[in-house]
C-alpha atoms as a PDB file:
ATOM      1  CA  MET A   1       0.000   0.000   0.000  1.00  0.00           C
ATOM      2  CA  LYS A   2       1.308   3.425  -0.954  1.00  0.00           C
ATOM      3  CA  VAL A   3      -0.476   6.448   0.510  1.00  0.00           C
ATOM      4  CA  LYS A   4       0.072   9.851  -1.094  1.00  0.00           C
ATOM      5  CA  VAL A   5      -0.753  12.801   1.156  1.00  0.00           C
ATOM      6  CA  LEU A   6      -2.592  15.210  -1.144  1.00  0.00           C
ATOM      7  CA  GLY A   7      -3.522  17.371   1.833  1.00  0.00           C
ATOM      8  CA  CYS A   8      -3.388  17.136   5.621  1.00  0.00           C
ATOM      9  CA  SER A   9      -4.118  20.657   6.824  1.00  0.00           C
ATOM     10  CA  GLY A  10      -6.807  21.883   9.185  1.00  0.00           C
ATOM     11  CA  ALA A  11      -7.081  25.204   7.331  1.00  0.00           C
ATOM     12  CA  ARG A  12      -6.510  26.440   3.770  1.00  0.00           C
ATOM     13  CA  PHE A  13      -3.464  28.583   3.047  1.00  0.00           C
ATOM     14  CA  PRO A  14      -0.885  28.571   0.220  1.00  0.00           C
ATOM     15  CA  ARG A  15       0.956  25.211   0.356  1.00  0.00           C
ATOM     16  CA  HIS A  16      -1.518  23.913   2.944  1.00  0.00           C
ATOM     17  CA  HIS A  17      -4.243  21.701   1.467  1.00  0.00           C
ATOM     18  CA  PHE A  18      -7.335  20.125   2.992  1.00  0.00           C
ATOM     19  CA  SER A  19      -7.498  16.450   3.994  1.00  0.00           C
ATOM     20  CA  SER A  20      -7.114  13.909   1.209  1.00  0.00           C
ATOM     21  CA  PHE A  21      -5.136  10.651   1.177  1.00  0.00           C
ATOM     22  CA  LEU A  22      -4.674   8.726  -2.078  1.00  0.00           C
ATOM     23  CA  ILE A  23      -4.089   4.966  -1.832  1.00  0.00           C
ATOM     24  CA  ASP A  24      -2.294   3.358  -4.788  1.00  0.00           C
ATOM     25  CA  GLY A  25      -3.510   6.143  -7.072  1.00  0.00           C
ATOM     26  CA  LYS A  26      -7.099   4.834  -7.079  1.00  0.00           C
ATOM     27  CA  ILE A  27      -8.729   5.079  -3.633  1.00  0.00           C
ATOM     28  CA  LEU A  28      -9.238   8.345  -1.757  1.00  0.00           C
ATOM     29  CA  LEU A  29      -9.756   8.767   1.962  1.00  0.00           C
ATOM     30  CA  ASP A  30     -11.531  12.138   2.106  1.00  0.00           C
ATOM     31  CA  ALA A  31     -11.759  14.581  -0.767  1.00  0.00           C
ATOM     32  CA  GLY A  32     -10.573  17.925   0.526  1.00  0.00           C
ATOM     33  CA  SER A  33      -7.867  18.302  -2.119  1.00  0.00           C
ATOM     34  CA  ILE A  34      -8.078  16.685  -5.546  1.00  0.00           C
ATOM     35  CA  ALA A  35      -8.251  18.963  -8.584  1.00  0.00           C
ATOM     36  CA  GLY A  36      -5.923  21.570  -7.092  1.00  0.00           C
ATOM     37  CA  VAL A  37      -3.224  18.962  -6.429  1.00  0.00           C
ATOM     38  CA  LEU A  38      -3.505  16.220  -9.076  1.00  0.00           C
ATOM     39  CA  GLY A  39      -3.189  16.596 -12.826  1.00  0.00           C
ATOM     40  CA  GLU A  40      -5.983  15.409 -15.103  1.00  0.00           C
ATOM     41  CA  LYS A  41      -4.398  12.021 -15.841  1.00  0.00           C
ATOM     42  CA  ASP A  42      -4.100  11.169 -12.142  1.00  0.00           C
ATOM     43  CA  GLN A  43      -7.584  12.476 -11.351  1.00  0.00           C
ATOM     44  CA  LEU A  44      -9.099  10.140 -13.915  1.00  0.00           C
ATOM     45  CA  LYS A  45      -7.508   7.110 -12.200  1.00  0.00           C
ATOM     46  CA  ILE A  46      -9.565   7.653  -9.032  1.00  0.00           C
ATOM     47  CA  LYS A  47     -12.371   5.100  -8.762  1.00  0.00           C
ATOM     48  CA  ASN A  48     -13.458   5.100  -5.110  1.00  0.00           C
ATOM     49  CA  ILE A  49     -13.725   7.827  -2.452  1.00  0.00           C
ATOM     50  CA  PHE A  50     -14.355   7.151   1.239  1.00  0.00           C
ATOM     51  CA  ILE A  51     -15.597  10.224   3.117  1.00  0.00           C
ATOM     52  CA  THR A  52     -15.240  10.530   6.903  1.00  0.00           C
ATOM     53  CA  HIS A  53     -17.806  13.306   7.423  1.00  0.00           C
ATOM     54  CA  ALA A  54     -19.639  16.048   5.582  1.00  0.00           C
ATOM     55  CA  HIS A  55     -17.672  19.146   6.564  1.00  0.00           C
ATOM     56  CA  LEU A  56     -16.651  21.124   3.493  1.00  0.00           C
ATOM     57  CA  ASP A  57     -12.905  20.695   3.971  1.00  0.00           C
ATOM     58  CA  HIS A  58     -13.376  16.939   3.497  1.00  0.00           C
ATOM     59  CA  ILE A  59     -15.814  16.882   0.553  1.00  0.00           C
ATOM     60  CA  ASN A  60     -15.179  19.975  -1.584  1.00  0.00           C
ATOM     61  CA  GLY A  61     -13.070  18.107  -4.142  1.00  0.00           C
ATOM     62  CA  ILE A  62     -15.915  15.811  -5.221  1.00  0.00           C
ATOM     63  CA  PRO A  63     -17.790  18.264  -7.512  1.00  0.00           C
ATOM     64  CA  PHE A  64     -14.667  19.393  -9.363  1.00  0.00           C
ATOM     65  CA  LEU A  65     -13.460  15.821  -9.865  1.00  0.00           C
ATOM     66  CA  ALA A  66     -16.853  14.861 -11.293  1.00  0.00           C
ATOM     67  CA  ASP A  67     -16.743  17.800 -13.699  1.00  0.00           C
ATOM     68  CA  ASN A  68     -13.253  16.858 -14.885  1.00  0.00           C
ATOM     69  CA  ILE A  69     -14.323  13.239 -15.403  1.00  0.00           C
ATOM     70  CA  LEU A  70     -17.282  14.414 -17.489  1.00  0.00           C
ATOM     71  CA  ILE A  71     -14.921  16.279 -19.807  1.00  0.00           C
ATOM     72  CA  GLY A  72     -11.869  14.038 -19.756  1.00  0.00           C
ATOM     73  CA  ASN A  73     -13.077  10.429 -19.628  1.00  0.00           C
ATOM     74  CA  LYS A  74     -16.119   9.156 -21.485  1.00  0.00           C
ATOM     75  CA  GLU A  75     -16.091   5.896 -19.521  1.00  0.00           C
ATOM     76  CA  GLY A  76     -15.129   7.262 -16.113  1.00  0.00           C
ATOM     77  CA  ARG A  77     -17.218   7.045 -12.978  1.00  0.00           C
ATOM     78  CA  VAL A  78     -16.499   7.278  -9.264  1.00  0.00           C
ATOM     79  CA  ASP A  79     -18.105   5.547  -6.293  1.00  0.00           C
ATOM     80  CA  VAL A  80     -18.407   7.671  -3.148  1.00  0.00           C
ATOM     81  CA  PHE A  81     -18.846   5.805   0.146  1.00  0.00           C
ATOM     82  CA  SER A  82     -19.832   6.938   3.632  1.00  0.00           C
ATOM     83  CA  ILE A  83     -22.392   6.525   6.393  1.00  0.00           C
ATOM     84  CA  PRO A  84     -26.009   7.567   5.617  1.00  0.00           C
ATOM     85  CA  PRO A  85     -25.949  11.063   7.242  1.00  0.00           C
ATOM     86  CA  VAL A  86     -22.879  11.986   5.196  1.00  0.00           C
ATOM     87  CA  ILE A  87     -24.321  10.663   1.930  1.00  0.00           C
ATOM     88  CA  LYS A  88     -27.516  12.599   2.655  1.00  0.00           C
ATOM     89  CA  ALA A  89     -25.572  15.825   3.245  1.00  0.00           C
ATOM     90  CA  ILE A  90     -23.553  15.435   0.036  1.00  0.00           C
ATOM     91  CA  LYS A  91     -26.715  14.802  -1.966  1.00  0.00           C
ATOM     92  CA  GLU A  92     -28.829  17.566  -0.448  1.00  0.00           C
ATOM     93  CA  SER A  93     -26.282  20.294   0.243  1.00  0.00           C
ATOM     94  CA  LEU A  94     -23.589  19.837  -2.410  1.00  0.00           C
ATOM     95  CA  LEU A  95     -24.874  17.945  -5.455  1.00  0.00           C
ATOM     96  CA  ASN A  96     -28.279  19.610  -5.355  1.00  0.00           C
ATOM     97  CA  ASP A  97     -28.440  21.377  -8.751  1.00  0.00           C
ATOM     98  CA  VAL A  98     -28.062  24.695  -6.915  1.00  0.00           C
ATOM     99  CA  VAL A  99     -24.591  24.712  -5.409  1.00  0.00           C
ATOM    100  CA  TRP A 100     -23.410  22.290  -8.127  1.00  0.00           C
ATOM    101  CA  PRO A 101     -25.002  20.016 -10.747  1.00  0.00           C
ATOM    102  CA  ASP A 102     -26.164  16.650  -9.458  1.00  0.00           C
ATOM    103  CA  PHE A 103     -23.625  14.348 -11.069  1.00  0.00           C
ATOM    104  CA  THR A 104     -25.451  11.318  -9.670  1.00  0.00           C
ATOM    105  CA  LYS A 105     -28.089  11.987 -12.353  1.00  0.00           C
ATOM    106  CA  ILE A 106     -25.776  12.605 -15.312  1.00  0.00           C
ATOM    107  CA  PRO A 107     -25.766   9.361 -17.360  1.00  0.00           C
ATOM    108  CA  ARG A 108     -22.567   7.434 -17.934  1.00  0.00           C
ATOM    109  CA  GLY A 109     -22.863   4.025 -19.577  1.00  0.00           C
ATOM    110  CA  LEU A 110     -25.213   1.917 -17.467  1.00  0.00           C
ATOM    111  CA  GLY A 111     -24.976   4.272 -14.502  1.00  0.00           C
ATOM    112  CA  SER A 112     -23.923   7.826 -13.680  1.00  0.00           C
ATOM    113  CA  ILE A 113     -20.658   9.720 -13.227  1.00  0.00           C
ATOM    114  CA  LEU A 114     -21.011   9.663  -9.441  1.00  0.00           C
ATOM    115  CA  ARG A 115     -22.591   6.898  -7.381  1.00  0.00           C
ATOM    116  CA  LEU A 116     -23.288   7.483  -3.700  1.00  0.00           C
ATOM    117  CA  ASN A 117     -23.046   4.365  -1.528  1.00  0.00           C
ATOM    118  CA  LYS A 118     -24.125   4.007   2.107  1.00  0.00           C
ATOM    119  CA  LEU A 119     -21.932   2.182   4.596  1.00  0.00           C
ATOM    120  CA  LYS A 120     -22.746   0.769   8.009  1.00  0.00           C
ATOM    121  CA  PRO A 121     -20.194   1.272  10.806  1.00  0.00           C
ATOM    122  CA  GLY A 122     -18.317  -1.922  11.559  1.00  0.00           C
ATOM    123  CA  GLU A 123     -19.233  -3.654   8.292  1.00  0.00           C
ATOM    124  CA  PRO A 124     -16.360  -4.288   5.849  1.00  0.00           C
ATOM    125  CA  ILE A 125     -16.323  -3.572   2.137  1.00  0.00           C
ATOM    126  CA  ARG A 126     -13.729  -4.935  -0.292  1.00  0.00           C
ATOM    127  CA  VAL A 127     -12.270  -2.558  -2.856  1.00  0.00           C
ATOM    128  CA  ASP A 128      -9.258  -3.231  -5.121  1.00  0.00           C
ATOM    129  CA  GLY A 129      -8.016  -6.017  -2.860  1.00  0.00           C
ATOM    130  CA  TYR A 130      -8.338  -3.990   0.333  1.00  0.00           C
ATOM    131  CA  CYS A 131     -10.747  -4.580   3.193  1.00  0.00           C
ATOM    132  CA  ILE A 132     -12.075  -1.198   4.345  1.00  0.00           C
ATOM    133  CA  ILE A 133     -14.136  -0.838   7.526  1.00  0.00           C
ATOM    134  CA  PRO A 134     -15.744   2.369   8.846  1.00  0.00           C
ATOM    135  CA  PHE A 135     -15.703   2.980  12.603  1.00  0.00           C
ATOM    136  CA  GLU A 136     -17.597   5.759  14.351  1.00  0.00           C
ATOM    137  CA  VAL A 137     -15.474   8.535  15.847  1.00  0.00           C
ATOM    138  CA  ASN A 138     -16.260  11.496  18.107  1.00  0.00           C
ATOM    139  CA  HIS A 139     -16.802  14.669  16.085  1.00  0.00           C
ATOM    140  CA  ALA A 140     -19.232  17.592  15.969  1.00  0.00           C
ATOM    141  CA  VAL A 141     -21.224  15.889  13.190  1.00  0.00           C
ATOM    142  CA  PRO A 142     -21.752  12.201  12.325  1.00  0.00           C
ATOM    143  CA  ALA A 143     -18.328  10.887  11.364  1.00  0.00           C
ATOM    144  CA  VAL A 144     -16.282   7.743  10.873  1.00  0.00           C
ATOM    145  CA  GLY A 145     -12.657   6.800  10.509  1.00  0.00           C
ATOM    146  CA  TYR A 146     -11.499   4.045   8.158  1.00  0.00           C
ATOM    147  CA  LEU A 147      -9.490   0.914   8.845  1.00  0.00           C
ATOM    148  CA  VAL A 148      -7.770  -0.195   5.632  1.00  0.00           C
ATOM    149  CA  GLU A 149      -6.332  -3.718   5.610  1.00  0.00           C
ATOM    150  CA  THR A 150      -4.025  -5.078   2.912  1.00  0.00           C
ATOM    151  CA  PRO A 151      -4.152  -8.704   1.677  1.00  0.00           C
ATOM    152  CA  LYS A 152      -1.077  -9.314   3.878  1.00  0.00           C
ATOM    153  CA  LYS A 153      -2.978  -8.033   6.952  1.00  0.00           C
ATOM    154  CA  ARG A 154      -1.121  -4.747   7.253  1.00  0.00           C
ATOM    155  CA  ARG A 155      -3.509  -2.161   8.692  1.00  0.00           C
ATOM    156  CA  LEU A 156      -3.839   1.597   8.438  1.00  0.00           C
ATOM    157  CA  PHE A 157      -6.395   3.546  10.441  1.00  0.00           C
ATOM    158  CA  TYR A 158      -7.298   7.072   9.371  1.00  0.00           C
ATOM    159  CA  SER A 159      -9.378   8.822  12.003  1.00  0.00           C
ATOM    160  CA  GLY A 160     -10.615  11.788  10.001  1.00  0.00           C
ATOM    161  CA  ASP A 161     -11.638  14.476  12.485  1.00  0.00           C
ATOM    162  CA  THR A 162     -12.097  13.160  16.002  1.00  0.00           C
ATOM    163  CA  GLY A 163     -12.069  14.152  19.621  1.00  0.00           C
ATOM    164  CA  PRO A 164     -11.427  11.796  22.545  1.00  0.00           C
ATOM    165  CA  THR A 165     -13.016   8.369  22.164  1.00  0.00           C
ATOM    166  CA  SER A 166     -12.805   5.017  23.898  1.00  0.00           C
ATOM    167  CA  LYS A 167     -15.526   3.383  21.799  1.00  0.00           C
ATOM    168  CA  THR A 168     -13.532   3.555  18.564  1.00  0.00           C
ATOM    169  CA  TRP A 169     -10.438   1.814  19.905  1.00  0.00           C
ATOM    170  CA  LYS A 170     -12.494  -0.906  21.608  1.00  0.00           C
ATOM    171  CA  GLU A 171     -14.421  -1.628  18.412  1.00  0.00           C
ATOM    172  CA  ILE A 172     -11.361  -1.808  16.178  1.00  0.00           C
ATOM    173  CA  ALA A 173      -9.814  -4.470  18.459  1.00  0.00           C
ATOM    174  CA  VAL A 174      -6.925  -5.332  16.113  1.00  0.00           C
ATOM    175  CA  LYS A 175      -3.325  -4.166  15.920  1.00  0.00           C
ATOM    176  CA  ILE A 176      -2.914  -1.025  13.818  1.00  0.00           C
ATOM    177  CA  ASP A 177       0.390  -0.772  11.944  1.00  0.00           C
ATOM    178  CA  CYS A 178      -0.034   2.822  10.799  1.00  0.00           C
ATOM    179  CA  LEU A 179      -2.233   5.413  12.524  1.00  0.00           C
ATOM    180  CA  ILE A 180      -3.169   8.775  10.987  1.00  0.00           C
ATOM    181  CA  LEU A 181      -4.775  10.774  13.783  1.00  0.00           C
ATOM    182  CA  ASP A 182      -6.248  14.264  14.128  1.00  0.00           C
ATOM    183  CA  VAL A 183      -4.387  16.890  16.168  1.00  0.00           C
ATOM    184  CA  THR A 184      -5.934  20.224  15.215  1.00  0.00           C
ATOM    185  CA  PHE A 185      -5.104  22.510  18.137  1.00  0.00           C
ATOM    186  CA  PRO A 186      -2.258  23.105  20.627  1.00  0.00           C
ATOM    187  CA  ASN A 187      -2.631  22.139  24.275  1.00  0.00           C
ATOM    188  CA  LYS A 188      -3.714  25.610  25.380  1.00  0.00           C
ATOM    189  CA  MET A 189      -6.845  25.222  23.213  1.00  0.00           C
ATOM    190  CA  ALA A 190      -7.983  21.931  24.740  1.00  0.00           C
ATOM    191  CA  LYS A 191     -11.442  23.267  25.592  1.00  0.00           C
ATOM    192  CA  ARG A 192     -12.058  24.301  21.990  1.00  0.00           C
ATOM    193  CA  ALA A 193     -10.731  20.962  20.767  1.00  0.00           C
ATOM    194  CA  MET A 194     -13.092  19.054  23.061  1.00  0.00           C
ATOM    195  CA  ARG A 195     -16.042  21.247  22.112  1.00  0.00           C
ATOM    196  CA  THR A 196     -15.498  20.862  18.355  1.00  0.00           C
ATOM    197  CA  GLY A 197     -14.444  17.203  18.299  1.00  0.00           C
ATOM    198  CA  HIS A 198     -10.684  17.441  17.787  1.00  0.00           C
ATOM    199  CA  LEU A 199      -7.470  16.570  19.628  1.00  0.00           C
ATOM    200  CA  THR A 200      -4.412  18.347  21.017  1.00  0.00           C
ATOM    201  CA  PRO A 201      -0.989  16.721  21.555  1.00  0.00           C
ATOM    202  CA  ARG A 202      -1.837  16.023  25.195  1.00  0.00           C
ATOM    203  CA  LEU A 203      -5.206  14.543  24.235  1.00  0.00           C
ATOM    204  CA  LEU A 204      -3.490  12.449  21.564  1.00  0.00           C
ATOM    205  CA  ARG A 205      -1.265  10.886  24.223  1.00  0.00           C
ATOM    206  CA  MET A 206      -4.376   9.995  26.220  1.00  0.00           C
ATOM    207  CA  GLU A 207      -5.915   8.357  23.142  1.00  0.00           C
ATOM    208  CA  LEU A 208      -2.813   6.260  22.566  1.00  0.00           C
ATOM    209  CA  SER A 209      -2.945   5.054  26.169  1.00  0.00           C
ATOM    210  CA  LYS A 210      -6.398   3.611  25.469  1.00  0.00           C
ATOM    211  CA  MET A 211      -5.102   1.390  22.667  1.00  0.00           C
ATOM    212  CA  GLU A 212      -4.195  -2.194  23.499  1.00  0.00           C
ATOM    213  CA  ASN A 213      -1.251  -2.146  21.071  1.00  0.00           C
ATOM    214  CA  MET A 214       0.810   0.900  20.146  1.00  0.00           C
ATOM    215  CA  PRO A 215       0.892   1.414  16.349  1.00  0.00           C
ATOM    216  CA  GLU A 216       4.270   1.014  14.644  1.00  0.00           C
ATOM    217  CA  ARG A 217       3.919   4.451  13.067  1.00  0.00           C
ATOM    218  CA  ILE A 218       1.798   7.413  14.136  1.00  0.00           C
ATOM    219  CA  TYR A 219       1.186  10.383  11.867  1.00  0.00           C
ATOM    220  CA  VAL A 220      -0.533  13.581  12.937  1.00  0.00           C
ATOM    221  CA  THR A 221      -2.933  15.228  10.503  1.00  0.00           C
ATOM    222  CA  HIS A 222      -5.325  18.211  10.339  1.00  0.00           C
ATOM    223  CA  ALA A 223      -3.113  20.636  12.301  1.00  0.00           C
ATOM    224  CA  LYS A 224      -4.061  24.290  11.896  1.00  0.00           C
ATOM    225  CA  PRO A 225      -1.167  26.076  10.107  1.00  0.00           C
ATOM    226  CA  GLN A 226      -1.582  29.005  12.504  1.00  0.00           C
ATOM    227  CA  TYR A 227      -0.495  26.738  15.377  1.00  0.00           C
ATOM    228  CA  LEU A 228       2.073  24.523  13.641  1.00  0.00           C
ATOM    229  CA  LYS A 229       5.023  25.757  15.693  1.00  0.00           C
ATOM    230  CA  SER A 230       3.265  25.110  19.012  1.00  0.00           C
ATOM    231  CA  ILE A 231       1.839  21.747  17.934  1.00  0.00           C
ATOM    232  CA  THR A 232       5.210  20.567  16.596  1.00  0.00           C
ATOM    233  CA  SER A 233       6.957  21.514  19.832  1.00  0.00           C
ATOM    234  CA  GLU A 234       4.301  19.853  21.990  1.00  0.00           C
ATOM    235  CA  LEU A 235       4.393  16.658  19.933  1.00  0.00           C
ATOM    236  CA  ARG A 236       8.167  16.522  20.289  1.00  0.00           C
ATOM    237  CA  ARG A 237       7.887  16.829  24.063  1.00  0.00           C
ATOM    238  CA  LEU A 238       5.680  13.720  24.156  1.00  0.00           C
ATOM    239  CA  LYS A 239       8.800  11.682  23.268  1.00  0.00           C
ATOM    240  CA  ILE A 240       6.784   9.008  21.483  1.00  0.00           C
ATOM    241  CA  ASN A 241       8.776   6.895  19.034  1.00  0.00           C
ATOM    242  CA  HIS A 242       7.647   6.899  15.413  1.00  0.00           C
ATOM    243  CA  LEU A 243       5.324   9.898  15.942  1.00  0.00           C
ATOM    244  CA  ARG A 244       5.503  12.863  13.615  1.00  0.00           C
ATOM    245  CA  LEU A 245       3.513  15.533  11.830  1.00  0.00           C
ATOM    246  CA  LEU A 246       2.498  14.818   8.239  1.00  0.00           C
ATOM    247  CA  LYS A 247       3.319  17.176   5.379  1.00  0.00           C
ATOM    248  CA  ASP A 248       1.437  17.758   2.137  1.00  0.00           C
ATOM    249  CA  GLY A 249       2.942  15.858  -0.783  1.00  0.00           C
ATOM    250  CA  GLU A 250       4.738  13.115   1.128  1.00  0.00           C
ATOM    251  CA  SER A 251       4.125   9.385   0.725  1.00  0.00           C
ATOM    252  CA  ILE A 252       3.651   6.571   3.227  1.00  0.00           C
ATOM    253  CA  ASP A 253       4.609   3.007   2.286  1.00  0.00           C
ATOM    254  CA  LEU A 254       2.928   0.191   4.178  1.00  0.00           C
END
């Protein structure tokens, strides 16, 4: 499994892109950054998108990708997966023929350019040889993280946006090799983090203590660029091996 970090930022600034992780060039975890990062050829390779929640910084790339597929690939279509409240929000608030055309109704072969698919937390789906399972996380709106398992049983868990949770780690109940976990705010903003469903470095350490097995690698995502210096310093002081802040454009091999 090769994961390309298209974006991992908690706010949009030059050189800081919203959350989007591309697996093997074909599967996306969140769609915050697609068309502004990938060229047309690479965009047209994307076949499946798994959305954690319906906040705009995680879904805004879907409409532009659909438009580029319409123009650039006569056979192309994309399946979008998430839990029912997220699918409902995408359909009613984004692809509603007001904010953007409803690409789920634009014909393409035997189907449409976009297909919206509902997932149930805890139930696996197999895509391109991977087993992908959504697990509920603690955010301000209905949200899930995704456990992605390779045929060789290597596992990545991407939390999306989440605050403190015990339920998630209990339900996963398997060893995670690579963890991509939200740390949006510095420690001094813990109250805001808790209120909005995010983590700080100190809260991250508490989450790790709840896990039965420490992941081999831990990557921090969704940090606000305004607080990068503080967050980086606070993460370093945790002195946790194999923990570091992700950067846009890098790749993870698993």
